Amino acid sequence: MKRCLPSRVAACNLAHMTERFPDAVLTDLPDDIRQRIEDEAEKSGFVPNVFIKLARRPAEFRAFFAYYDALMDKDTGSLTKADREMIVTATSSANGCLYCVVAHGALLRLFKKSPDIADKVAVNYKHADLEPREEAMLDFAMKVCTDPADISEDDFTRLAEHGFDDEDVWDIAAITGFFGLSNRMATESRKRPNPEFYTLGRVPKDIYQQLNS
């Protein structure tokens, strides 16, 4: 067994976790999964670490991204893409998930066209100068995240007052629940955000490309 000096405990723990749950090797993957990863690289300019980590279990990779697509890429209901990423950013912060806060915070910045919105939402969305509709949405998402047993009819009434119907409420709860799983697996496996996520949506595209080239 490896021994870690006190000053190196954190680094040693990370090394052990990396050894325990190694990333998938692209050339060893089934064709459909490899194609999905290559498509993501083409679209984003890099491969998010979540793809490589989850691909170590192909069946779970397929199930995860099928549900992800159903929740995050749907074009029905009143939730916008920014709304969905805002839910993920706020609840992932509550769950202490570095990867999801950084990755989905980057997407939130892009969809909202705001370089500081993700930081505000992650730290304290109550002080983020959100629209009343957005704050009501996050209040409910955070309740699903941290105190689901306390959900009452009053919560549904408040959401309805802000224009959310029952299917929207289902979406808010499903996104929160799904990323509760993602948060825990990302944290448990010590999945780290790609460096590209930190500047995405903060600087002009040409500067972003220079920084990450």
Protein backbone atom coordinates (compact mmCIF):
# COMPACT_ATOMS: atom_id res chain seq x y z
CA MET A 1 0.00 0.00 0.00
CA LYS A 2 1.25 3.51 -0.80
CA ARG A 3 2.02 5.76 2.13
CA CYS A 4 1.14 9.44 2.07
CA LEU A 5 2.99 12.11 4.02
CA PRO A 6 0.62 14.50 5.85
CA SER A 7 1.39 17.33 3.44
CA ARG A 8 0.57 15.09 0.48
CA VAL A 9 -2.61 13.47 1.76
CA ALA A 10 -4.99 15.29 -0.60
CA ALA A 11 -2.85 14.60 -3.66
CA CYS A 12 -2.39 10.98 -2.66
CA ASN A 13 -6.12 10.50 -2.10
CA LEU A 14 -6.78 11.90 -5.58
CA ALA A 15 -4.18 9.53 -7.07
CA HIS A 16 -5.82 6.56 -5.35
CA MET A 17 -9.24 7.55 -6.66
CA THR A 18 -7.85 7.94 -10.18
CA GLU A 19 -6.39 4.45 -9.99
CA ARG A 20 -9.60 3.02 -8.57
CA PHE A 21 -11.85 4.48 -11.28
CA PRO A 22 -9.67 4.89 -14.38
CA ASP A 23 -10.90 6.88 -17.35
CA ALA A 24 -12.12 4.96 -20.39
CA VAL A 25 -9.79 4.53 -23.35
CA LEU A 26 -11.46 5.95 -26.44
CA THR A 27 -10.21 3.25 -28.81
CA ASP A 28 -11.62 0.51 -26.57
CA LEU A 29 -15.18 1.85 -26.54
CA PRO A 30 -18.24 0.63 -28.48
CA ASP A 31 -18.79 2.50 -31.73
CA ASP A 32 -21.89 4.41 -30.59
CA ILE A 33 -20.20 5.73 -27.46
CA ARG A 34 -17.00 6.64 -29.26
CA GLN A 35 -19.08 8.49 -31.87
CA ARG A 36 -20.97 10.42 -29.18
CA ILE A 37 -17.68 11.49 -27.62
CA GLU A 38 -16.17 12.47 -30.96
CA ASP A 39 -19.30 14.48 -31.81
CA GLU A 40 -19.01 16.32 -28.49
CA ALA A 41 -15.35 17.08 -29.15
CA GLU A 42 -16.25 18.46 -32.56
CA LYS A 43 -19.00 20.64 -31.13
CA SER A 44 -17.22 21.90 -28.01
CA GLY A 45 -13.59 21.84 -29.05
CA PHE A 46 -12.76 19.51 -26.17
CA VAL A 47 -14.14 16.39 -24.49
CA PRO A 48 -15.79 17.09 -21.11
CA ASN A 49 -14.32 14.79 -18.50
CA VAL A 50 -17.75 13.40 -17.62
CA PHE A 51 -17.83 11.57 -20.96
CA ILE A 52 -14.52 9.80 -20.40
CA LYS A 53 -15.29 8.92 -16.80
CA LEU A 54 -18.78 7.52 -17.42
CA ALA A 55 -17.74 5.65 -20.58
CA ARG A 56 -15.95 3.09 -18.40
CA ARG A 57 -19.43 1.55 -18.02
CA PRO A 58 -21.08 1.64 -21.47
CA ALA A 59 -24.59 0.64 -20.37
CA GLU A 60 -24.65 3.34 -17.70
CA PHE A 61 -23.18 5.89 -20.14
CA ARG A 62 -26.04 5.24 -22.56
CA ALA A 63 -28.68 5.43 -19.82
CA PHE A 64 -27.18 8.57 -18.31
CA PHE A 65 -27.02 10.52 -21.55
CA ALA A 66 -30.41 9.32 -22.73
CA TYR A 67 -31.96 10.80 -19.58
CA TYR A 68 -29.70 13.86 -19.80
CA ASP A 69 -30.89 14.54 -23.36
CA ALA A 70 -34.52 14.01 -22.39
CA LEU A 71 -34.27 16.56 -19.57
CA MET A 72 -31.84 19.15 -20.89
CA ASP A 73 -32.47 19.21 -24.65
CA LYS A 74 -36.25 19.06 -24.75
CA ASP A 75 -38.09 21.83 -26.58
CA THR A 76 -41.42 21.64 -24.75
CA GLY A 77 -42.53 23.39 -21.58
CA SER A 78 -41.67 26.88 -20.37
CA LEU A 79 -38.20 26.13 -19.00
CA THR A 80 -35.47 27.62 -21.16
CA LYS A 81 -32.00 26.14 -21.56
CA ALA A 82 -30.74 28.86 -19.23
CA ASP A 83 -33.40 27.89 -16.65
CA ARG A 84 -32.26 24.27 -16.77
CA GLU A 85 -28.59 25.16 -16.36
CA MET A 86 -29.49 27.54 -13.54
CA ILE A 87 -31.20 24.69 -11.68
CA VAL A 88 -28.16 22.47 -12.14
CA THR A 89 -25.73 25.18 -11.01
CA ALA A 90 -27.66 26.09 -7.87
CA THR A 91 -28.43 22.56 -6.70
CA SER A 92 -24.95 21.27 -7.58
CA SER A 93 -23.54 24.00 -5.36
CA ALA A 94 -25.81 22.84 -2.53
CA ASN A 95 -24.46 19.31 -3.07
CA GLY A 96 -20.86 20.52 -3.10
CA CYS A 97 -20.13 19.26 -6.61
CA LEU A 98 -17.20 21.16 -8.10
CA TYR A 99 -17.45 19.52 -11.52
CA CYS A 100 -21.12 20.27 -12.12
CA VAL A 101 -20.95 23.82 -10.73
CA VAL A 102 -18.05 24.69 -13.03
CA ALA A 103 -19.27 22.82 -16.13
CA HIS A 104 -22.92 23.83 -15.97
CA GLY A 105 -22.06 27.28 -14.69
CA ALA A 106 -20.15 27.74 -17.97
CA LEU A 107 -23.24 26.75 -19.95
CA LEU A 108 -25.38 29.08 -17.84
CA ARG A 109 -23.06 31.98 -18.68
CA LEU A 110 -23.36 31.18 -22.37
CA PHE A 111 -27.15 30.87 -22.40
CA LYS A 112 -27.69 33.98 -20.26
CA LYS A 113 -24.93 35.91 -22.03
CA SER A 114 -23.70 37.00 -18.61
CA PRO A 115 -20.12 36.48 -17.41
CA ASP A 116 -21.00 36.63 -13.71
CA ILE A 117 -24.41 34.96 -13.41
CA ALA A 118 -23.07 31.49 -12.60
CA ASP A 119 -20.91 32.72 -9.70
CA LYS A 120 -23.86 34.55 -8.19
CA VAL A 121 -26.21 31.59 -8.56
CA ALA A 122 -23.68 29.13 -7.15
CA VAL A 123 -22.76 31.23 -4.11
CA ASN A 124 -26.16 32.69 -3.19
CA TYR A 125 -28.91 32.88 -5.79
CA LYS A 126 -30.99 35.00 -3.40
CA HIS A 127 -28.51 37.82 -4.00
CA ALA A 128 -28.12 37.25 -7.74
CA ASP A 129 -30.70 39.83 -8.87
CA LEU A 130 -32.76 37.14 -10.56
CA GLU A 131 -36.23 37.63 -11.95
CA PRO A 132 -38.99 36.65 -9.47
CA ARG A 133 -39.87 33.72 -11.75
CA GLU A 134 -36.30 32.43 -11.64
CA GLU A 135 -36.06 32.80 -7.88
CA ALA A 136 -39.32 30.88 -7.38
CA MET A 137 -38.00 28.13 -9.66
CA LEU A 138 -34.75 27.85 -7.69
CA ASP A 139 -36.55 27.97 -4.35
CA PHE A 140 -38.49 24.89 -5.39
CA ALA A 141 -35.43 23.16 -6.87
CA MET A 142 -33.48 23.73 -3.67
CA LYS A 143 -36.34 22.33 -1.63
CA VAL A 144 -36.38 19.20 -3.81
CA CYS A 145 -32.61 19.04 -3.36
CA THR A 146 -32.39 19.49 0.40
CA ASP A 147 -35.84 19.09 1.99
CA PRO A 148 -38.13 17.12 -0.34
CA ALA A 149 -40.27 15.86 2.52
CA ASP A 150 -41.32 19.45 3.23
CA ILE A 151 -42.79 20.10 -0.20
CA SER A 152 -46.40 21.21 0.16
CA GLU A 153 -49.28 22.42 -1.97
CA ASP A 154 -48.12 25.96 -1.25
CA ASP A 155 -45.00 25.31 -3.30
CA PHE A 156 -47.05 24.26 -6.33
CA THR A 157 -49.33 27.27 -5.90
CA ARG A 158 -46.39 29.67 -5.87
CA LEU A 159 -44.91 28.10 -9.00
CA ALA A 160 -48.25 28.36 -10.79
CA GLU A 161 -48.39 32.05 -9.90
CA HIS A 162 -45.13 32.47 -11.83
CA GLY A 163 -46.41 30.64 -14.90
CA PHE A 164 -45.11 27.12 -14.28
CA ASP A 165 -47.55 24.32 -15.07
CA ASP A 166 -47.41 20.81 -13.62
CA GLU A 167 -45.15 19.53 -16.41
CA ASP A 168 -42.70 22.35 -15.74
CA VAL A 169 -42.70 21.45 -12.07
CA TRP A 170 -41.96 17.84 -13.00
CA ASP A 171 -39.02 19.07 -15.08
CA ILE A 172 -37.62 21.15 -12.22
CA ALA A 173 -37.82 18.18 -9.86
CA ALA A 174 -36.45 15.70 -12.41
CA ILE A 175 -33.46 17.89 -13.29
CA THR A 176 -32.72 18.38 -9.60
CA GLY A 177 -33.01 14.67 -8.88
CA PHE A 178 -31.00 13.56 -11.89
CA PHE A 179 -28.15 15.90 -11.11
CA GLY A 180 -28.25 14.82 -7.48
CA LEU A 181 -27.07 11.46 -8.85
CA SER A 182 -24.55 13.14 -11.15
CA ASN A 183 -23.22 15.33 -8.32
CA ARG A 184 -22.61 12.38 -6.06
CA MET A 185 -20.92 10.25 -8.69
CA ALA A 186 -18.74 13.14 -9.86
CA THR A 187 -17.66 13.92 -6.31
CA GLU A 188 -17.14 10.30 -5.31
CA SER A 189 -14.98 9.62 -8.37
CA ARG A 190 -13.02 12.90 -7.96
CA LYS A 191 -13.98 14.06 -11.43
CA ARG A 192 -12.31 17.42 -12.15
CA PRO A 193 -13.65 20.14 -14.46
CA ASN A 194 -11.85 20.65 -17.75
CA PRO A 195 -9.77 23.86 -17.74
CA GLU A 196 -11.79 25.09 -20.73
CA PHE A 197 -14.93 25.42 -18.60
CA TYR A 198 -13.43 28.15 -16.41
CA THR A 199 -13.14 30.72 -19.19
CA LEU A 200 -16.13 29.64 -21.29
CA GLY A 201 -18.67 32.45 -21.40
CA ARG A 202 -16.39 34.87 -19.56
CA VAL A 203 -14.17 36.13 -22.39
CA PRO A 204 -14.73 36.78 -26.12
CA LYS A 205 -14.61 33.68 -28.30
CA ASP A 206 -11.32 34.57 -29.98
CA ILE A 207 -9.57 35.09 -26.65
CA TYR A 208 -11.12 31.89 -25.29
CA GLN A 209 -9.68 29.97 -28.24
CA GLN A 210 -6.23 31.49 -27.67
CA LEU A 211 -6.29 30.63 -23.97
CA ASN A 212 -7.23 27.02 -24.64
CA SER A 213 -5.17 26.35 -27.78
